[in-house]
Amino acid sequence: AGYGYTCRIKNKPVVFSLDLSTPAGKIIFDDFKIKAGGQLRIYNYKNIQLAVKLNGISRRLNGEMVKALNLGIETGLCLGYYKPKWFLAVEAGYDKALVTQLKHTRLFKENYPAVVDGWYASTGGNIYYGLQTGFSCKQTNVYVKGGKIVAENFRNTPLVPFYFELGFNYRLK
């Protein structure tokens, strides 16, 4: 779920946004990701547009062995061909975990008594790149994005090395 607000700064459109994502499980908000930030169009020639985004991210994982709270940033670029009813674009970005707080459960500590709870500096980051397209009709947009994810060292990949997103937007008048 998310909300975006569009305004103009120095005659350029800026979208400020707030997004919340959470898996559907037994306890709805035990795991979540909150993103807050904005997107600025920096180039516009005919139907070609380039936008840059910057978001702050907070993630929480509440597992059987550890509770982790992560704070990070996401930056990205999106270059595309935009018409009034549809668009096609390429995107690339960087999602960096800046600090992570780990609180290990009693079960974990029984098996690994030397484990240390606390805040840890950067625990890594991921680079993503892919395609996106969408269609508009009146006040609604439907979009799909997908692509590949690699670790910031370009040698490793996460457990799921791709991303896919299907979205629906409703614009208030």
C-alpha atoms as a PDB file:
ATOM      1  CA  ALA A   1       0.000   0.000   0.000  1.00  0.00           C
ATOM      2  CA  GLY A   2       1.253   3.463  -0.708  1.00  0.00           C
ATOM      3  CA  TYR A   3       0.497   7.118  -1.174  1.00  0.00           C
ATOM      4  CA  GLY A   4       2.138   9.636  -3.462  1.00  0.00           C
ATOM      5  CA  TYR A   5       1.815  13.391  -3.724  1.00  0.00           C
ATOM      6  CA  THR A   6       2.910  15.295  -6.825  1.00  0.00           C
ATOM      7  CA  CYS A   7       4.056  18.900  -6.789  1.00  0.00           C
ATOM      8  CA  ARG A   8       6.464  21.117  -8.727  1.00  0.00           C
ATOM      9  CA  ILE A   9       9.833  22.363  -7.524  1.00  0.00           C
ATOM     10  CA  LYS A  10      11.554  24.861  -9.824  1.00  0.00           C
ATOM     11  CA  ASN A  11       9.029  23.889 -12.522  1.00  0.00           C
ATOM     12  CA  LYS A  12       9.963  20.189 -12.354  1.00  0.00           C
ATOM     13  CA  PRO A  13       7.454  17.543 -11.212  1.00  0.00           C
ATOM     14  CA  VAL A  14       8.359  15.800  -7.947  1.00  0.00           C
ATOM     15  CA  VAL A  15       6.504  12.827  -6.481  1.00  0.00           C
ATOM     16  CA  PHE A  16       6.795  12.355  -2.716  1.00  0.00           C
ATOM     17  CA  SER A  17       5.765   8.871  -1.639  1.00  0.00           C
ATOM     18  CA  LEU A  18       5.223   6.610   1.349  1.00  0.00           C
ATOM     19  CA  ASP A  19       4.944   2.820   0.831  1.00  0.00           C
ATOM     20  CA  LEU A  20       4.300  -0.087   3.189  1.00  0.00           C
ATOM     21  CA  SER A  21       4.710  -3.732   2.219  1.00  0.00           C
ATOM     22  CA  THR A  22       4.178  -6.746   4.428  1.00  0.00           C
ATOM     23  CA  PRO A  23       3.776 -10.465   3.773  1.00  0.00           C
ATOM     24  CA  ALA A  24       0.426 -12.107   4.481  1.00  0.00           C
ATOM     25  CA  GLY A  25       0.978 -14.533   7.337  1.00  0.00           C
ATOM     26  CA  LYS A  26      -0.258 -15.412  10.801  1.00  0.00           C
ATOM     27  CA  ILE A  27       0.848 -12.061  12.244  1.00  0.00           C
ATOM     28  CA  ILE A  28       0.399  -9.321   9.643  1.00  0.00           C
ATOM     29  CA  PHE A  29       2.926  -6.688  10.795  1.00  0.00           C
ATOM     30  CA  ASP A  30       5.681  -8.857  12.286  1.00  0.00           C
ATOM     31  CA  ASP A  31       7.652  -8.390   9.037  1.00  0.00           C
ATOM     32  CA  PHE A  32       7.433  -5.197   6.982  1.00  0.00           C
ATOM     33  CA  LYS A  33       9.193  -2.689   4.752  1.00  0.00           C
ATOM     34  CA  ILE A  34       8.463   1.043   4.841  1.00  0.00           C
ATOM     35  CA  LYS A  35       9.856   3.362   2.152  1.00  0.00           C
ATOM     36  CA  ALA A  36       9.589   7.149   2.224  1.00  0.00           C
ATOM     37  CA  GLY A  37      11.118   9.491  -0.291  1.00  0.00           C
ATOM     38  CA  GLY A  38      10.686  11.033  -3.663  1.00  0.00           C
ATOM     39  CA  GLN A  39      11.196  10.932  -7.390  1.00  0.00           C
ATOM     40  CA  LEU A  40      12.259  13.859  -9.583  1.00  0.00           C
ATOM     41  CA  ARG A  41      12.099  14.024 -13.371  1.00  0.00           C
ATOM     42  CA  ILE A  42      15.449  15.466 -14.463  1.00  0.00           C
ATOM     43  CA  TYR A  43      15.153  15.127 -18.257  1.00  0.00           C
ATOM     44  CA  ASN A  44      12.183  15.438 -20.599  1.00  0.00           C
ATOM     45  CA  TYR A  45      12.449  15.617 -24.379  1.00  0.00           C
ATOM     46  CA  LYS A  46       9.324  14.816 -26.373  1.00  0.00           C
ATOM     47  CA  ASN A  47       8.280  11.425 -24.989  1.00  0.00           C
ATOM     48  CA  ILE A  48      11.658  10.452 -23.469  1.00  0.00           C
ATOM     49  CA  GLN A  49      11.961  11.036 -19.719  1.00  0.00           C
ATOM     50  CA  LEU A  50      14.631  10.358 -17.110  1.00  0.00           C
ATOM     51  CA  ALA A  51      13.795  10.328 -13.416  1.00  0.00           C
ATOM     52  CA  VAL A  52      15.913   9.883 -10.298  1.00  0.00           C
ATOM     53  CA  LYS A  53      14.596   8.558  -6.972  1.00  0.00           C
ATOM     54  CA  LEU A  54      15.801   8.546  -3.386  1.00  0.00           C
ATOM     55  CA  ASN A  55      14.068   6.688  -0.546  1.00  0.00           C
ATOM     56  CA  GLY A  56      14.765   5.978   3.090  1.00  0.00           C
ATOM     57  CA  ILE A  57      13.899   2.379   4.019  1.00  0.00           C
ATOM     58  CA  SER A  58      13.102   0.621   7.278  1.00  0.00           C
ATOM     59  CA  ARG A  59      12.702  -3.164   7.286  1.00  0.00           C
ATOM     60  CA  ARG A  60      11.855  -5.575  10.073  1.00  0.00           C
ATOM     61  CA  LEU A  61      12.157  -9.350  10.146  1.00  0.00           C
ATOM     62  CA  ASN A  62      10.693 -11.192  13.116  1.00  0.00           C
ATOM     63  CA  GLY A  63      11.924 -14.788  12.840  1.00  0.00           C
ATOM     64  CA  GLU A  64      12.249 -17.787  15.146  1.00  0.00           C
ATOM     65  CA  MET A  65      15.988 -17.171  15.628  1.00  0.00           C
ATOM     66  CA  VAL A  66      16.391 -13.399  15.389  1.00  0.00           C
ATOM     67  CA  LYS A  67      14.528 -10.129  15.250  1.00  0.00           C
ATOM     68  CA  ALA A  68      16.209  -7.743  12.843  1.00  0.00           C
ATOM     69  CA  LEU A  69      15.514  -4.056  12.242  1.00  0.00           C
ATOM     70  CA  ASN A  70      17.286  -2.509   9.268  1.00  0.00           C
ATOM     71  CA  LEU A  71      17.636   1.112   8.167  1.00  0.00           C
ATOM     72  CA  GLY A  72      18.859   1.929   4.683  1.00  0.00           C
ATOM     73  CA  ILE A  73      18.514   3.925   1.481  1.00  0.00           C
ATOM     74  CA  GLU A  74      17.466   3.223  -2.075  1.00  0.00           C
ATOM     75  CA  THR A  75      18.546   5.258  -5.081  1.00  0.00           C
ATOM     76  CA  GLY A  76      17.621   4.688  -8.681  1.00  0.00           C
ATOM     77  CA  LEU A  77      17.218   5.908 -12.243  1.00  0.00           C
ATOM     78  CA  CYS A  78      14.381   5.263 -14.660  1.00  0.00           C
ATOM     79  CA  LEU A  79      14.615   6.084 -18.381  1.00  0.00           C
ATOM     80  CA  GLY A  80      11.573   5.562 -20.525  1.00  0.00           C
ATOM     81  CA  TYR A  81       9.289   6.362 -23.411  1.00  0.00           C
ATOM     82  CA  TYR A  82       6.027   7.829 -22.087  1.00  0.00           C
ATOM     83  CA  LYS A  83       2.763   8.358 -23.983  1.00  0.00           C
ATOM     84  CA  PRO A  84      -0.540   9.523 -22.437  1.00  0.00           C
ATOM     85  CA  LYS A  85      -1.972   5.968 -22.256  1.00  0.00           C
ATOM     86  CA  TRP A  86       1.144   3.769 -21.858  1.00  0.00           C
ATOM     87  CA  PHE A  87       4.875   3.688 -21.138  1.00  0.00           C
ATOM     88  CA  LEU A  88       7.929   1.449 -21.437  1.00  0.00           C
ATOM     89  CA  ALA A  89      11.047   2.068 -19.345  1.00  0.00           C
ATOM     90  CA  VAL A  90      14.293   0.605 -18.044  1.00  0.00           C
ATOM     91  CA  GLU A  91      15.288   1.041 -14.422  1.00  0.00           C
ATOM     92  CA  ALA A  92      18.377   0.517 -12.326  1.00  0.00           C
ATOM     93  CA  GLY A  93      18.995   1.152  -8.655  1.00  0.00           C
ATOM     94  CA  TYR A  94      20.906   0.460  -5.480  1.00  0.00           C
ATOM     95  CA  ASP A  95      19.377  -0.656  -2.173  1.00  0.00           C
ATOM     96  CA  LYS A  96      21.857  -0.273   0.705  1.00  0.00           C
ATOM     97  CA  ALA A  97      21.426  -1.518   4.260  1.00  0.00           C
ATOM     98  CA  LEU A  98      23.154   1.128   6.404  1.00  0.00           C
ATOM     99  CA  VAL A  99      22.663  -0.266   9.924  1.00  0.00           C
ATOM    100  CA  THR A 100      20.950  -3.353  11.323  1.00  0.00           C
ATOM    101  CA  GLN A 101      19.883  -4.131  14.877  1.00  0.00           C
ATOM    102  CA  LEU A 102      19.860  -7.838  15.764  1.00  0.00           C
ATOM    103  CA  LYS A 103      18.069  -9.288  18.809  1.00  0.00           C
ATOM    104  CA  HIS A 104      18.603 -13.040  18.962  1.00  0.00           C
ATOM    105  CA  THR A 105      15.978 -15.300  20.522  1.00  0.00           C
ATOM    106  CA  ARG A 106      16.542 -17.507  23.532  1.00  0.00           C
ATOM    107  CA  LEU A 107      16.513 -20.557  21.241  1.00  0.00           C
ATOM    108  CA  PHE A 108      19.368 -19.098  19.161  1.00  0.00           C
ATOM    109  CA  LYS A 109      21.361 -18.133  22.269  1.00  0.00           C
ATOM    110  CA  GLU A 110      21.018 -21.665  23.686  1.00  0.00           C
ATOM    111  CA  ASN A 111      22.757 -23.028  20.576  1.00  0.00           C
ATOM    112  CA  TYR A 112      25.239 -20.143  20.102  1.00  0.00           C
ATOM    113  CA  PRO A 113      25.841 -18.545  23.530  1.00  0.00           C
ATOM    114  CA  ALA A 114      28.594 -16.214  22.232  1.00  0.00           C
ATOM    115  CA  VAL A 115      26.238 -14.366  19.891  1.00  0.00           C
ATOM    116  CA  VAL A 116      26.067 -10.610  20.494  1.00  0.00           C
ATOM    117  CA  ASP A 117      22.880  -8.568  20.160  1.00  0.00           C
ATOM    118  CA  GLY A 118      23.128  -4.978  19.025  1.00  0.00           C
ATOM    119  CA  TRP A 119      23.588  -2.611  16.132  1.00  0.00           C
ATOM    120  CA  TYR A 120      25.823  -3.581  13.229  1.00  0.00           C
ATOM    121  CA  ALA A 121      27.228  -1.309  10.525  1.00  0.00           C
ATOM    122  CA  SER A 122      26.399  -1.840   6.876  1.00  0.00           C
ATOM    123  CA  THR A 123      25.302  -5.395   6.214  1.00  0.00           C
ATOM    124  CA  GLY A 124      25.415  -5.073   2.419  1.00  0.00           C
ATOM    125  CA  GLY A 125      23.394  -3.881  -0.488  1.00  0.00           C
ATOM    126  CA  ASN A 126      21.821  -5.001  -3.730  1.00  0.00           C
ATOM    127  CA  ILE A 127      21.859  -3.608  -7.251  1.00  0.00           C
ATOM    128  CA  TYR A 128      18.762  -4.137  -9.356  1.00  0.00           C
ATOM    129  CA  TYR A 129      17.963  -3.545 -13.016  1.00  0.00           C
ATOM    130  CA  GLY A 130      14.997  -4.364 -15.183  1.00  0.00           C
ATOM    131  CA  LEU A 131      12.056  -3.265 -17.292  1.00  0.00           C
ATOM    132  CA  GLN A 132       8.698  -1.739 -16.494  1.00  0.00           C
ATOM    133  CA  THR A 133       5.599  -0.959 -18.486  1.00  0.00           C
ATOM    134  CA  GLY A 134       2.146   0.328 -17.728  1.00  0.00           C
ATOM    135  CA  PHE A 135      -1.185   1.443 -19.087  1.00  0.00           C
ATOM    136  CA  SER A 136      -3.423   4.360 -18.054  1.00  0.00           C
ATOM    137  CA  CYS A 137      -7.163   4.802 -18.311  1.00  0.00           C
ATOM    138  CA  LYS A 138      -8.907   7.835 -16.766  1.00  0.00           C
ATOM    139  CA  GLN A 139      -7.816   7.908 -13.090  1.00  0.00           C
ATOM    140  CA  THR A 140      -6.206   4.458 -12.964  1.00  0.00           C
ATOM    141  CA  ASN A 141      -2.836   3.005 -13.889  1.00  0.00           C
ATOM    142  CA  VAL A 142      -1.812  -0.639 -14.076  1.00  0.00           C
ATOM    143  CA  TYR A 143       1.903  -1.395 -14.233  1.00  0.00           C
ATOM    144  CA  VAL A 144       4.288  -4.322 -14.141  1.00  0.00           C
ATOM    145  CA  LYS A 145       8.028  -4.341 -13.404  1.00  0.00           C
ATOM    146  CA  GLY A 146      10.562  -7.095 -13.296  1.00  0.00           C
ATOM    147  CA  GLY A 147      14.278  -7.644 -13.384  1.00  0.00           C
ATOM    148  CA  LYS A 148      17.440  -9.042 -11.859  1.00  0.00           C
ATOM    149  CA  ILE A 149      19.101  -8.467  -8.469  1.00  0.00           C
ATOM    150  CA  VAL A 150      22.820  -8.867  -7.725  1.00  0.00           C
ATOM    151  CA  ALA A 151      24.813  -8.162  -4.581  1.00  0.00           C
ATOM    152  CA  GLU A 152      26.865  -4.982  -4.446  1.00  0.00           C
ATOM    153  CA  ASN A 153      30.043  -7.031  -5.014  1.00  0.00           C
ATOM    154  CA  PHE A 154      28.639  -8.234  -8.403  1.00  0.00           C
ATOM    155  CA  ARG A 155      29.653 -11.825  -7.511  1.00  0.00           C
ATOM    156  CA  ASN A 156      26.742 -13.010  -5.372  1.00  0.00           C
ATOM    157  CA  THR A 157      22.990 -13.003  -5.730  1.00  0.00           C
ATOM    158  CA  PRO A 158      20.285 -13.029  -3.072  1.00  0.00           C
ATOM    159  CA  LEU A 159      18.291 -16.222  -2.446  1.00  0.00           C
ATOM    160  CA  VAL A 160      15.696 -14.954  -4.949  1.00  0.00           C
ATOM    161  CA  PRO A 161      17.797 -13.220  -7.649  1.00  0.00           C
ATOM    162  CA  PHE A 162      14.925 -11.447  -9.401  1.00  0.00           C
ATOM    163  CA  TYR A 163      12.069  -9.092  -8.623  1.00  0.00           C
ATOM    164  CA  PHE A 164       8.537  -8.772  -9.949  1.00  0.00           C
ATOM    165  CA  GLU A 165       5.896  -6.206  -9.093  1.00  0.00           C
ATOM    166  CA  LEU A 166       2.343  -5.819 -10.331  1.00  0.00           C
ATOM    167  CA  GLY A 167       0.675  -2.596  -9.284  1.00  0.00           C
ATOM    168  CA  PHE A 168      -2.506  -0.617  -9.501  1.00  0.00           C
ATOM    169  CA  ASN A 169      -2.677   3.147  -8.915  1.00  0.00           C
ATOM    170  CA  TYR A 170      -5.728   5.319  -8.439  1.00  0.00           C
ATOM    171  CA  ARG A 171      -5.256   9.065  -8.903  1.00  0.00           C
ATOM    172  CA  LEU A 172      -7.406  11.422  -6.864  1.00  0.00           C
ATOM    173  CA  LYS A 173      -8.626  14.460  -8.745  1.00  0.00           C
END
